[in-house]
Amino acid sequence: MNQIIAVTFDIADQQCKMYNALEWHNFIADTRENCEAEDADLTLEELFDEYYGDEFWFEVSPDPKVVYQIAFDLRSETFIVCHSDAECEAVMEMAAEAGDEEEIFWAE
């Protein structure tokens, strides 16, 4: 189980990533440092749109979540939180039944 504060999915590299508080802070700092936007007061959404484009999704929890695994469902453009291996298997079974296994991206 991981204590997660944020999760991202980037269609460009088809990767879903989980972040604890320190990792999320560093990710934002690195993005701000690498972004060429002139306005330093961008919101997270504006910052990520500027740097990563429209095909980048993120979700931040005000309180860290203890999770087993997180996936991004490209069909619905939502994150799926699993608290057990059984929940992960159920997600994949439902995707397989719909023929959408390739639309589910598990976090690293």
PDB file of N, CA and C in Angstrom:
ATOM      1  N   MET A   1       0.839  -1.181   0.000  1.00  0.00           N
ATOM      2  CA  MET A   1       0.000   0.000   0.000  1.00  0.00           C
ATOM      3  C   MET A   1       0.884   1.245   0.000  1.00  0.00           C
ATOM      4  N   ASN A   2       0.483   2.231  -0.771  1.00  0.00           N
ATOM      5  CA  ASN A   2       1.234   3.476  -0.891  1.00  0.00           C
ATOM      6  C   ASN A   2       0.392   4.637  -0.394  1.00  0.00           C
ATOM      7  N   GLN A   3       1.033   5.625   0.231  1.00  0.00           N
ATOM      8  CA  GLN A   3       0.337   6.832   0.644  1.00  0.00           C
ATOM      9  C   GLN A   3       0.511   7.850  -0.476  1.00  0.00           C
ATOM     10  N   ILE A   4      -0.566   8.087  -1.208  1.00  0.00           N
ATOM     11  CA  ILE A   4      -0.534   8.875  -2.436  1.00  0.00           C
ATOM     12  C   ILE A   4      -1.270  10.194  -2.249  1.00  0.00           C
ATOM     13  N   ILE A   5      -0.671  11.283  -2.764  1.00  0.00           N
ATOM     14  CA  ILE A   5      -1.329  12.583  -2.714  1.00  0.00           C
ATOM     15  C   ILE A   5      -1.784  13.036  -4.100  1.00  0.00           C
ATOM     16  N   ALA A   6      -1.133  12.513  -5.159  1.00  0.00           N
ATOM     17  CA  ALA A   6      -1.484  12.933  -6.521  1.00  0.00           C
ATOM     18  C   ALA A   6      -1.183  11.814  -7.509  1.00  0.00           C
ATOM     19  N   VAL A   7      -1.827  11.933  -8.672  1.00  0.00           N
ATOM     20  CA  VAL A   7      -1.611  10.976  -9.756  1.00  0.00           C
ATOM     21  C   VAL A   7      -1.723  11.728 -11.073  1.00  0.00           C
ATOM     22  N   THR A   8      -0.924  11.302 -12.066  1.00  0.00           N
ATOM     23  CA  THR A   8      -0.958  11.935 -13.388  1.00  0.00           C
ATOM     24  C   THR A   8      -1.048  10.868 -14.466  1.00  0.00           C
ATOM     25  N   PHE A   9      -1.555  11.281 -15.631  1.00  0.00           N
ATOM     26  CA  PHE A   9      -1.514  10.447 -16.830  1.00  0.00           C
ATOM     27  C   PHE A   9      -1.175  11.348 -18.002  1.00  0.00           C
ATOM     28  N   ASP A  10      -0.171  10.937 -18.775  1.00  0.00           N
ATOM     29  CA  ASP A  10       0.260  11.692 -19.947  1.00  0.00           C
ATOM     30  C   ASP A  10       0.095  10.807 -21.174  1.00  0.00           C
ATOM     31  N   ILE A  11      -0.758  11.215 -22.100  1.00  0.00           N
ATOM     32  CA  ILE A  11      -1.020  10.416 -23.296  1.00  0.00           C
ATOM     33  C   ILE A  11       0.235  10.304 -24.157  1.00  0.00           C
ATOM     34  N   ALA A  12       1.116  11.297 -24.105  1.00  0.00           N
ATOM     35  CA  ALA A  12       2.315  11.289 -24.948  1.00  0.00           C
ATOM     36  C   ALA A  12       3.181  10.061 -24.691  1.00  0.00           C
ATOM     37  N   ASP A  13       3.384   9.728 -23.426  1.00  0.00           N
ATOM     38  CA  ASP A  13       4.191   8.539 -23.118  1.00  0.00           C
ATOM     39  C   ASP A  13       3.349   7.392 -22.561  1.00  0.00           C
ATOM     40  N   GLN A  14       2.041   7.606 -22.500  1.00  0.00           N
ATOM     41  CA  GLN A  14       1.076   6.602 -22.033  1.00  0.00           C
ATOM     42  C   GLN A  14       1.467   6.046 -20.666  1.00  0.00           C
ATOM     43  N   GLN A  15       1.837   6.967 -19.760  1.00  0.00           N
ATOM     44  CA  GLN A  15       2.224   6.559 -18.420  1.00  0.00           C
ATOM     45  C   GLN A  15       1.347   7.213 -17.374  1.00  0.00           C
ATOM     46  N   CYS A  16       0.950   6.389 -16.433  1.00  0.00           N
ATOM     47  CA  CYS A  16       0.213   6.837 -15.258  1.00  0.00           C
ATOM     48  C   CYS A  16       1.197   6.759 -14.097  1.00  0.00           C
ATOM     49  N   LYS A  17       1.276   7.836 -13.299  1.00  0.00           N
ATOM     50  CA  LYS A  17       2.241   7.875 -12.208  1.00  0.00           C
ATOM     51  C   LYS A  17       1.578   8.328 -10.916  1.00  0.00           C
ATOM     52  N   MET A  18       2.000   7.714  -9.801  1.00  0.00           N
ATOM     53  CA  MET A  18       1.536   8.084  -8.470  1.00  0.00           C
ATOM     54  C   MET A  18       2.638   8.872  -7.777  1.00  0.00           C
ATOM     55  N   TYR A  19       2.244   9.812  -6.907  1.00  0.00           N
ATOM     56  CA  TYR A  19       3.203  10.653  -6.208  1.00  0.00           C
ATOM     57  C   TYR A  19       2.857  10.755  -4.729  1.00  0.00           C
ATOM     58  N   ASN A  20       3.872  10.636  -3.870  1.00  0.00           N
ATOM     59  CA  ASN A  20       3.664  10.995  -2.477  1.00  0.00           C
ATOM     60  C   ASN A  20       3.869  12.501  -2.381  1.00  0.00           C
ATOM     61  N   ALA A  21       3.760  13.085  -1.199  1.00  0.00           N
ATOM     62  CA  ALA A  21       3.806  14.546  -1.064  1.00  0.00           C
ATOM     63  C   ALA A  21       5.135  15.133  -1.547  1.00  0.00           C
ATOM     64  N   LEU A  22       6.240  14.535  -1.180  1.00  0.00           N
ATOM     65  CA  LEU A  22       7.547  15.060  -1.594  1.00  0.00           C
ATOM     66  C   LEU A  22       7.744  14.941  -3.101  1.00  0.00           C
ATOM     67  N   GLU A  23       7.378  13.796  -3.662  1.00  0.00           N
ATOM     68  CA  GLU A  23       7.513  13.598  -5.111  1.00  0.00           C
ATOM     69  C   GLU A  23       6.657  14.605  -5.877  1.00  0.00           C
ATOM     70  N   TRP A  24       5.429  14.867  -5.390  1.00  0.00           N
ATOM     71  CA  TRP A  24       4.526  15.814  -6.045  1.00  0.00           C
ATOM     72  C   TRP A  24       5.114  17.225  -5.979  1.00  0.00           C
ATOM     73  N   HIS A  25       5.610  17.628  -4.835  1.00  0.00           N
ATOM     74  CA  HIS A  25       6.248  18.939  -4.685  1.00  0.00           C
ATOM     75  C   HIS A  25       7.396  19.084  -5.681  1.00  0.00           C
ATOM     76  N   ASN A  26       8.249  18.059  -5.769  1.00  0.00           N
ATOM     77  CA  ASN A  26       9.394  18.099  -6.689  1.00  0.00           C
ATOM     78  C   ASN A  26       8.951  18.105  -8.149  1.00  0.00           C
ATOM     79  N   PHE A  27       7.900  17.349  -8.474  1.00  0.00           N
ATOM     80  CA  PHE A  27       7.376  17.318  -9.840  1.00  0.00           C
ATOM     81  C   PHE A  27       6.902  18.712 -10.264  1.00  0.00           C
ATOM     82  N   ILE A  28       6.165  19.383  -9.386  1.00  0.00           N
ATOM     83  CA  ILE A  28       5.674  20.733  -9.693  1.00  0.00           C
ATOM     84  C   ILE A  28       6.849  21.699  -9.839  1.00  0.00           C
ATOM     85  N   ALA A  29       7.796  21.627  -8.917  1.00  0.00           N
ATOM     86  CA  ALA A  29       8.965  22.519  -8.975  1.00  0.00           C
ATOM     87  C   ALA A  29       9.753  22.306 -10.261  1.00  0.00           C
ATOM     88  N   ASP A  30       9.966  21.051 -10.638  1.00  0.00           N
ATOM     89  CA  ASP A  30      10.692  20.754 -11.875  1.00  0.00           C
ATOM     90  C   ASP A  30       9.934  21.259 -13.095  1.00  0.00           C
ATOM     91  N   THR A  31       8.612  21.102 -13.086  1.00  0.00           N
ATOM     92  CA  THR A  31       7.801  21.567 -14.213  1.00  0.00           C
ATOM     93  C   THR A  31       7.870  23.082 -14.322  1.00  0.00           C
ATOM     94  N   ARG A  32       7.738  23.771 -13.188  1.00  0.00           N
ATOM     95  CA  ARG A  32       7.834  25.246 -13.212  1.00  0.00           C
ATOM     96  C   ARG A  32       9.206  25.692 -13.719  1.00  0.00           C
ATOM     97  N   GLU A  33      10.243  25.007 -13.294  1.00  0.00           N
ATOM     98  CA  GLU A  33      11.602  25.357 -13.713  1.00  0.00           C
ATOM     99  C   GLU A  33      11.789  25.144 -15.216  1.00  0.00           C
ATOM    100  N   ASN A  34      11.211  24.080 -15.753  1.00  0.00           N
ATOM    101  CA  ASN A  34      11.381  23.751 -17.166  1.00  0.00           C
ATOM    102  C   ASN A  34      10.411  24.482 -18.083  1.00  0.00           C
ATOM    103  N   CYS A  35       9.336  25.008 -17.531  1.00  0.00           N
ATOM    104  CA  CYS A  35       8.306  25.676 -18.338  1.00  0.00           C
ATOM    105  C   CYS A  35       8.793  27.056 -18.747  1.00  0.00           C
ATOM    106  N   GLU A  36       8.555  27.401 -19.982  1.00  0.00           N
ATOM    107  CA  GLU A  36       8.983  28.692 -20.489  1.00  0.00           C
ATOM    108  C   GLU A  36       7.901  29.754 -20.382  1.00  0.00           C
ATOM    109  N   ALA A  37       6.817  29.438 -19.685  1.00  0.00           N
ATOM    110  CA  ALA A  37       5.747  30.419 -19.523  1.00  0.00           C
ATOM    111  C   ALA A  37       6.275  31.617 -18.734  1.00  0.00           C
ATOM    112  N   GLU A  38       5.863  32.786 -19.132  1.00  0.00           N
ATOM    113  CA  GLU A  38       6.363  33.995 -18.482  1.00  0.00           C
ATOM    114  C   GLU A  38       5.656  34.279 -17.169  1.00  0.00           C
ATOM    115  N   ASP A  39       4.446  33.787 -17.011  1.00  0.00           N
ATOM    116  CA  ASP A  39       3.668  34.063 -15.807  1.00  0.00           C
ATOM    117  C   ASP A  39       3.964  33.009 -14.748  1.00  0.00           C
ATOM    118  N   ALA A  40       4.631  33.414 -13.687  1.00  0.00           N
ATOM    119  CA  ALA A  40       4.996  32.484 -12.618  1.00  0.00           C
ATOM    120  C   ALA A  40       3.810  32.139 -11.727  1.00  0.00           C
ATOM    121  N   ASP A  41       2.697  32.854 -11.889  1.00  0.00           N
ATOM    122  CA  ASP A  41       1.535  32.628 -11.033  1.00  0.00           C
ATOM    123  C   ASP A  41       0.489  31.719 -11.673  1.00  0.00           C
ATOM    124  N   LEU A  42       0.894  30.867 -12.592  1.00  0.00           N
ATOM    125  CA  LEU A  42      -0.050  29.959 -13.241  1.00  0.00           C
ATOM    126  C   LEU A  42      -0.617  28.967 -12.240  1.00  0.00           C
ATOM    127  N   THR A  43      -1.896  28.608 -12.403  1.00  0.00           N
ATOM    128  CA  THR A  43      -2.465  27.530 -11.606  1.00  0.00           C
ATOM    129  C   THR A  43      -1.831  26.228 -12.069  1.00  0.00           C
ATOM    130  N   LEU A  44      -2.023  25.154 -11.313  1.00  0.00           N
ATOM    131  CA  LEU A  44      -1.483  23.863 -11.747  1.00  0.00           C
ATOM    132  C   LEU A  44      -2.032  23.465 -13.102  1.00  0.00           C
ATOM    133  N   GLU A  45      -3.329  23.665 -13.305  1.00  0.00           N
ATOM    134  CA  GLU A  45      -3.927  23.294 -14.584  1.00  0.00           C
ATOM    135  C   GLU A  45      -3.319  24.105 -15.729  1.00  0.00           C
ATOM    136  N   GLU A  46      -3.152  25.395 -15.525  1.00  0.00           N
ATOM    137  CA  GLU A  46      -2.546  26.243 -16.556  1.00  0.00           C
ATOM    138  C   GLU A  46      -1.089  25.855 -16.804  1.00  0.00           C
ATOM    139  N   LEU A  47      -0.364  25.587 -15.720  1.00  0.00           N
ATOM    140  CA  LEU A  47       1.036  25.181 -15.835  1.00  0.00           C
ATOM    141  C   LEU A  47       1.167  23.893 -16.629  1.00  0.00           C
ATOM    142  N   PHE A  48       0.368  22.889 -16.266  1.00  0.00           N
ATOM    143  CA  PHE A  48       0.453  21.597 -16.949  1.00  0.00           C
ATOM    144  C   PHE A  48      -0.019  21.691 -18.396  1.00  0.00           C
ATOM    145  N   ASP A  49      -1.054  22.501 -18.656  1.00  0.00           N
ATOM    146  CA  ASP A  49      -1.494  22.708 -20.045  1.00  0.00           C
ATOM    147  C   ASP A  49      -0.391  23.364 -20.860  1.00  0.00           C
ATOM    148  N   GLU A  50       0.271  24.345 -20.263  1.00  0.00           N
ATOM    149  CA  GLU A  50       1.349  25.058 -20.953  1.00  0.00           C
ATOM    150  C   GLU A  50       2.520  24.131 -21.262  1.00  0.00           C
ATOM    151  N   TYR A  51       2.901  23.308 -20.277  1.00  0.00           N
ATOM    152  CA  TYR A  51       4.100  22.491 -20.432  1.00  0.00           C
ATOM    153  C   TYR A  51       3.835  21.136 -21.082  1.00  0.00           C
ATOM    154  N   TYR A  52       2.739  20.458 -20.672  1.00  0.00           N
ATOM    155  CA  TYR A  52       2.474  19.102 -21.166  1.00  0.00           C
ATOM    156  C   TYR A  52       1.395  19.035 -22.241  1.00  0.00           C
ATOM    157  N   GLY A  53       0.579  20.070 -22.367  1.00  0.00           N
ATOM    158  CA  GLY A  53      -0.477  20.087 -23.374  1.00  0.00           C
ATOM    159  C   GLY A  53      -1.809  19.592 -22.824  1.00  0.00           C
ATOM    160  N   ASP A  54      -2.804  19.540 -23.706  1.00  0.00           N
ATOM    161  CA  ASP A  54      -4.163  19.189 -23.305  1.00  0.00           C
ATOM    162  C   ASP A  54      -4.356  17.719 -22.979  1.00  0.00           C
ATOM    163  N   GLU A  55      -3.444  16.883 -23.406  1.00  0.00           N
ATOM    164  CA  GLU A  55      -3.601  15.437 -23.204  1.00  0.00           C
ATOM    165  C   GLU A  55      -2.842  14.964 -21.961  1.00  0.00           C
ATOM    166  N   PHE A  56      -2.918  15.755 -20.904  1.00  0.00           N
ATOM    167  CA  PHE A  56      -2.279  15.442 -19.625  1.00  0.00           C
ATOM    168  C   PHE A  56      -3.332  15.622 -18.541  1.00  0.00           C
ATOM    169  N   TRP A  57      -3.538  14.597 -17.754  1.00  0.00           N
ATOM    170  CA  TRP A  57      -4.537  14.644 -16.691  1.00  0.00           C
ATOM    171  C   TRP A  57      -3.848  14.492 -15.348  1.00  0.00           C
ATOM    172  N   PHE A  58      -4.413  15.130 -14.321  1.00  0.00           N
ATOM    173  CA  PHE A  58      -3.885  14.968 -12.975  1.00  0.00           C
ATOM    174  C   PHE A  58      -5.024  15.074 -11.969  1.00  0.00           C
ATOM    175  N   GLU A  59      -4.797  14.486 -10.812  1.00  0.00           N
ATOM    176  CA  GLU A  59      -5.759  14.567  -9.722  1.00  0.00           C
ATOM    177  C   GLU A  59      -4.966  14.685  -8.424  1.00  0.00           C
ATOM    178  N   VAL A  60      -5.357  15.637  -7.603  1.00  0.00           N
ATOM    179  CA  VAL A  60      -4.673  15.879  -6.333  1.00  0.00           C
ATOM    180  C   VAL A  60      -5.675  15.674  -5.209  1.00  0.00           C
ATOM    181  N   SER A  61      -5.263  14.961  -4.192  1.00  0.00           N
ATOM    182  CA  SER A  61      -6.096  14.736  -3.020  1.00  0.00           C
ATOM    183  C   SER A  61      -5.631  15.666  -1.911  1.00  0.00           C
ATOM    184  N   PRO A  62      -6.545  16.361  -1.232  1.00  0.00           N
ATOM    185  CA  PRO A  62      -6.119  17.229  -0.130  1.00  0.00           C
ATOM    186  C   PRO A  62      -5.540  16.427   1.040  1.00  0.00           C
ATOM    187  N   ASP A  63      -5.967  15.184   1.150  1.00  0.00           N
ATOM    188  CA  ASP A  63      -5.435  14.283   2.172  1.00  0.00           C
ATOM    189  C   ASP A  63      -4.829  13.082   1.463  1.00  0.00           C
ATOM    190  N   PRO A  64      -3.637  12.668   1.874  1.00  0.00           N
ATOM    191  CA  PRO A  64      -3.036  11.487   1.232  1.00  0.00           C
ATOM    192  C   PRO A  64      -3.956  10.273   1.337  1.00  0.00           C
ATOM    193  N   LYS A  65      -3.980   9.490   0.278  1.00  0.00           N
ATOM    194  CA  LYS A  65      -4.788   8.274   0.235  1.00  0.00           C
ATOM    195  C   LYS A  65      -3.872   7.071   0.360  1.00  0.00           C
ATOM    196  N   VAL A  66      -4.318   6.090   1.101  1.00  0.00           N
ATOM    197  CA  VAL A  66      -3.591   4.832   1.129  1.00  0.00           C
ATOM    198  C   VAL A  66      -4.244   3.958   0.067  1.00  0.00           C
ATOM    199  N   VAL A  67      -3.474   3.606  -0.956  1.00  0.00           N
ATOM    200  CA  VAL A  67      -4.021   2.852  -2.082  1.00  0.00           C
ATOM    201  C   VAL A  67      -3.131   1.656  -2.400  1.00  0.00           C
ATOM    202  N   TYR A  68      -3.735   0.683  -3.050  1.00  0.00           N
ATOM    203  CA  TYR A  68      -2.998  -0.484  -3.518  1.00  0.00           C
ATOM    204  C   TYR A  68      -2.422  -0.200  -4.902  1.00  0.00           C
ATOM    205  N   GLN A  69      -3.276   0.365  -5.788  1.00  0.00           N
ATOM    206  CA  GLN A  69      -2.866   0.669  -7.161  1.00  0.00           C
ATOM    207  C   GLN A  69      -3.823   1.697  -7.750  1.00  0.00           C
ATOM    208  N   ILE A  70      -3.354   2.449  -8.733  1.00  0.00           N
ATOM    209  CA  ILE A  70      -4.169   3.431  -9.446  1.00  0.00           C
ATOM    210  C   ILE A  70      -3.970   3.220 -10.937  1.00  0.00           C
ATOM    211  N   ALA A  71      -5.054   3.381 -11.688  1.00  0.00           N
ATOM    212  CA  ALA A  71      -4.989   3.285 -13.149  1.00  0.00           C
ATOM    213  C   ALA A  71      -5.701   4.489 -13.740  1.00  0.00           C
ATOM    214  N   PHE A  72      -5.416   4.765 -14.998  1.00  0.00           N
ATOM    215  CA  PHE A  72      -6.138   5.795 -15.740  1.00  0.00           C
ATOM    216  C   PHE A  72      -6.948   5.110 -16.817  1.00  0.00           C
ATOM    217  N   ASP A  73      -8.244   5.424 -16.873  1.00  0.00           N
ATOM    218  CA  ASP A  73      -9.146   4.871 -17.885  1.00  0.00           C
ATOM    219  C   ASP A  73      -9.279   5.916 -18.987  1.00  0.00           C
ATOM    220  N   LEU A  74      -8.666   5.660 -20.122  1.00  0.00           N
ATOM    221  CA  LEU A  74      -8.660   6.618 -21.221  1.00  0.00           C
ATOM    222  C   LEU A  74     -10.062   6.826 -21.801  1.00  0.00           C
ATOM    223  N   ARG A  75     -10.918   5.802 -21.731  1.00  0.00           N
ATOM    224  CA  ARG A  75     -12.279   5.940 -22.266  1.00  0.00           C
ATOM    225  C   ARG A  75     -13.047   7.032 -21.545  1.00  0.00           C
ATOM    226  N   SER A  76     -13.000   7.008 -20.213  1.00  0.00           N
ATOM    227  CA  SER A  76     -13.767   7.967 -19.415  1.00  0.00           C
ATOM    228  C   SER A  76     -12.918   9.146 -18.940  1.00  0.00           C
ATOM    229  N   GLU A  77     -11.602   9.081 -19.182  1.00  0.00           N
ATOM    230  CA  GLU A  77     -10.660  10.101 -18.749  1.00  0.00           C
ATOM    231  C   GLU A  77     -10.735  10.313 -17.239  1.00  0.00           C
ATOM    232  N   THR A  78     -10.772   9.199 -16.501  1.00  0.00           N
ATOM    233  CA  THR A  78     -10.832   9.232 -15.046  1.00  0.00           C
ATOM    234  C   THR A  78      -9.787   8.292 -14.452  1.00  0.00           C
ATOM    235  N   PHE A  79      -9.428   8.574 -13.205  1.00  0.00           N
ATOM    236  CA  PHE A  79      -8.517   7.703 -12.479  1.00  0.00           C
ATOM    237  C   PHE A  79      -9.326   6.667 -11.707  1.00  0.00           C
ATOM    238  N   ILE A  80      -8.797   5.460 -11.628  1.00  0.00           N
ATOM    239  CA  ILE A  80      -9.435   4.360 -10.915  1.00  0.00           C
ATOM    240  C   ILE A  80      -8.534   4.002  -9.734  1.00  0.00           C
ATOM    241  N   VAL A  81      -9.086   4.046  -8.535  1.00  0.00           N
ATOM    242  CA  VAL A  81      -8.329   3.715  -7.328  1.00  0.00           C
ATOM    243  C   VAL A  81      -8.714   2.313  -6.889  1.00  0.00           C
ATOM    244  N   CYS A  82      -7.705   1.470  -6.692  1.00  0.00           N
ATOM    245  CA  CYS A  82      -7.931   0.099  -6.216  1.00  0.00           C
ATOM    246  C   CYS A  82      -7.281  -0.055  -4.840  1.00  0.00           C
ATOM    247  N   HIS A  83      -7.995  -0.753  -3.959  1.00  0.00           N
ATOM    248  CA  HIS A  83      -7.484  -0.978  -2.611  1.00  0.00           C
ATOM    249  C   HIS A  83      -7.038  -2.417  -2.389  1.00  0.00           C
ATOM    250  N   SER A  84      -7.158  -3.239  -3.435  1.00  0.00           N
ATOM    251  CA  SER A  84      -6.727  -4.637  -3.311  1.00  0.00           C
ATOM    252  C   SER A  84      -6.462  -5.210  -4.699  1.00  0.00           C
ATOM    253  N   ASP A  85      -5.792  -6.354  -4.718  1.00  0.00           N
ATOM    254  CA  ASP A  85      -5.534  -7.053  -5.967  1.00  0.00           C
ATOM    255  C   ASP A  85      -6.850  -7.465  -6.624  1.00  0.00           C
ATOM    256  N   ALA A  86      -7.821  -7.846  -5.795  1.00  0.00           N
ATOM    257  CA  ALA A  86      -9.130  -8.261  -6.320  1.00  0.00           C
ATOM    258  C   ALA A  86      -9.816  -7.114  -7.071  1.00  0.00           C
ATOM    259  N   GLU A  87      -9.701  -5.892  -6.562  1.00  0.00           N
ATOM    260  CA  GLU A  87     -10.297  -4.742  -7.250  1.00  0.00           C
ATOM    261  C   GLU A  87      -9.600  -4.496  -8.589  1.00  0.00           C
ATOM    262  N   CYS A  88      -8.282  -4.654  -8.615  1.00  0.00           N
ATOM    263  CA  CYS A  88      -7.533  -4.488  -9.873  1.00  0.00           C
ATOM    264  C   CYS A  88      -7.979  -5.526 -10.895  1.00  0.00           C
ATOM    265  N   GLU A  89      -8.132  -6.765 -10.448  1.00  0.00           N
ATOM    266  CA  GLU A  89      -8.587  -7.829 -11.346  1.00  0.00           C
ATOM    267  C   GLU A  89      -9.989  -7.548 -11.861  1.00  0.00           C
ATOM    268  N   ALA A  90     -10.872  -7.030 -11.003  1.00  0.00           N
ATOM    269  CA  ALA A  90     -12.240  -6.708 -11.422  1.00  0.00           C
ATOM    270  C   ALA A  90     -12.235  -5.616 -12.485  1.00  0.00           C
ATOM    271  N   VAL A  91     -11.383  -4.632 -12.323  1.00  0.00           N
ATOM    272  CA  VAL A  91     -11.269  -3.554 -13.323  1.00  0.00           C
ATOM    273  C   VAL A  91     -10.858  -4.133 -14.667  1.00  0.00           C
ATOM    274  N   MET A  92      -9.856  -5.002 -14.656  1.00  0.00           N
ATOM    275  CA  MET A  92      -9.375  -5.580 -15.905  1.00  0.00           C
ATOM    276  C   MET A  92     -10.404  -6.530 -16.524  1.00  0.00           C
ATOM    277  N   GLU A  93     -11.148  -7.258 -15.694  1.00  0.00           N
ATOM    278  CA  GLU A  93     -12.207  -8.125 -16.223  1.00  0.00           C
ATOM    279  C   GLU A  93     -13.285  -7.306 -16.916  1.00  0.00           C
ATOM    280  N   MET A  94     -13.690  -6.194 -16.293  1.00  0.00           N
ATOM    281  CA  MET A  94     -14.716  -5.341 -16.906  1.00  0.00           C
ATOM    282  C   MET A  94     -14.198  -4.743 -18.219  1.00  0.00           C
ATOM    283  N   ALA A  95     -12.941  -4.340 -18.241  1.00  0.00           N
ATOM    284  CA  ALA A  95     -12.364  -3.788 -19.464  1.00  0.00           C
ATOM    285  C   ALA A  95     -12.276  -4.855 -20.546  1.00  0.00           C
ATOM    286  N   ALA A  96     -11.915  -6.077 -20.159  1.00  0.00           N
ATOM    287  CA  ALA A  96     -11.811  -7.177 -21.127  1.00  0.00           C
ATOM    288  C   ALA A  96     -13.174  -7.502 -21.722  1.00  0.00           C
ATOM    289  N   GLU A  97     -14.198  -7.508 -20.890  1.00  0.00           N
ATOM    290  CA  GLU A  97     -15.554  -7.783 -21.384  1.00  0.00           C
ATOM    291  C   GLU A  97     -16.002  -6.751 -22.405  1.00  0.00           C
ATOM    292  N   ALA A  98     -15.561  -5.514 -22.222  1.00  0.00           N
ATOM    293  CA  ALA A  98     -15.924  -4.439 -23.153  1.00  0.00           C
ATOM    294  C   ALA A  98     -14.937  -4.341 -24.314  1.00  0.00           C
ATOM    295  N   GLY A  99     -13.861  -5.149 -24.278  1.00  0.00           N
ATOM    296  CA  GLY A  99     -12.845  -5.087 -25.322  1.00  0.00           C
ATOM    297  C   GLY A  99     -11.957  -3.867 -25.217  1.00  0.00           C
ATOM    298  N   ASP A 100     -11.835  -3.327 -24.012  1.00  0.00           N
ATOM    299  CA  ASP A 100     -11.089  -2.078 -23.814  1.00  0.00           C
ATOM    300  C   ASP A 100      -9.863  -2.241 -22.924  1.00  0.00           C
ATOM    301  N   GLU A 101      -9.245  -3.408 -22.905  1.00  0.00           N
ATOM    302  CA  GLU A 101      -8.083  -3.627 -22.038  1.00  0.00           C
ATOM    303  C   GLU A 101      -6.960  -2.634 -22.331  1.00  0.00           C
ATOM    304  N   GLU A 102      -6.822  -2.240 -23.574  1.00  0.00           N
ATOM    305  CA  GLU A 102      -5.736  -1.329 -23.955  1.00  0.00           C
ATOM    306  C   GLU A 102      -6.013   0.117 -23.570  1.00  0.00           C
ATOM    307  N   GLU A 103      -7.181   0.386 -23.012  1.00  0.00           N
ATOM    308  CA  GLU A 103      -7.541   1.743 -22.591  1.00  0.00           C
ATOM    309  C   GLU A 103      -7.264   1.971 -21.108  1.00  0.00           C
ATOM    310  N   ILE A 104      -6.771   0.952 -20.405  1.00  0.00           N
ATOM    311  CA  ILE A 104      -6.452   1.041 -18.977  1.00  0.00           C
ATOM    312  C   ILE A 104      -4.939   1.104 -18.821  1.00  0.00           C
ATOM    313  N   PHE A 105      -4.457   2.135 -18.130  1.00  0.00           N
ATOM    314  CA  PHE A 105      -3.023   2.332 -17.923  1.00  0.00           C
ATOM    315  C   PHE A 105      -2.741   2.344 -16.428  1.00  0.00           C
ATOM    316  N   TRP A 106      -1.966   1.366 -15.956  1.00  0.00           N
ATOM    317  CA  TRP A 106      -1.659   1.242 -14.532  1.00  0.00           C
ATOM    318  C   TRP A 106      -0.480   2.124 -14.159  1.00  0.00           C
ATOM    319  N   ALA A 107      -0.545   2.695 -12.976  1.00  0.00           N
ATOM    320  CA  ALA A 107       0.521   3.584 -12.496  1.00  0.00           C
ATOM    321  C   ALA A 107       1.780   2.806 -12.189  1.00  0.00           C
ATOM    322  N   GLU A 108       2.868   3.503 -12.324  1.00  0.00           N
ATOM    323  CA  GLU A 108       4.183   2.924 -12.005  1.00  0.00           C
ATOM    324  C   GLU A 108       4.508   3.195 -10.565  1.00  0.00           C
TER     325      GLU A 108
END
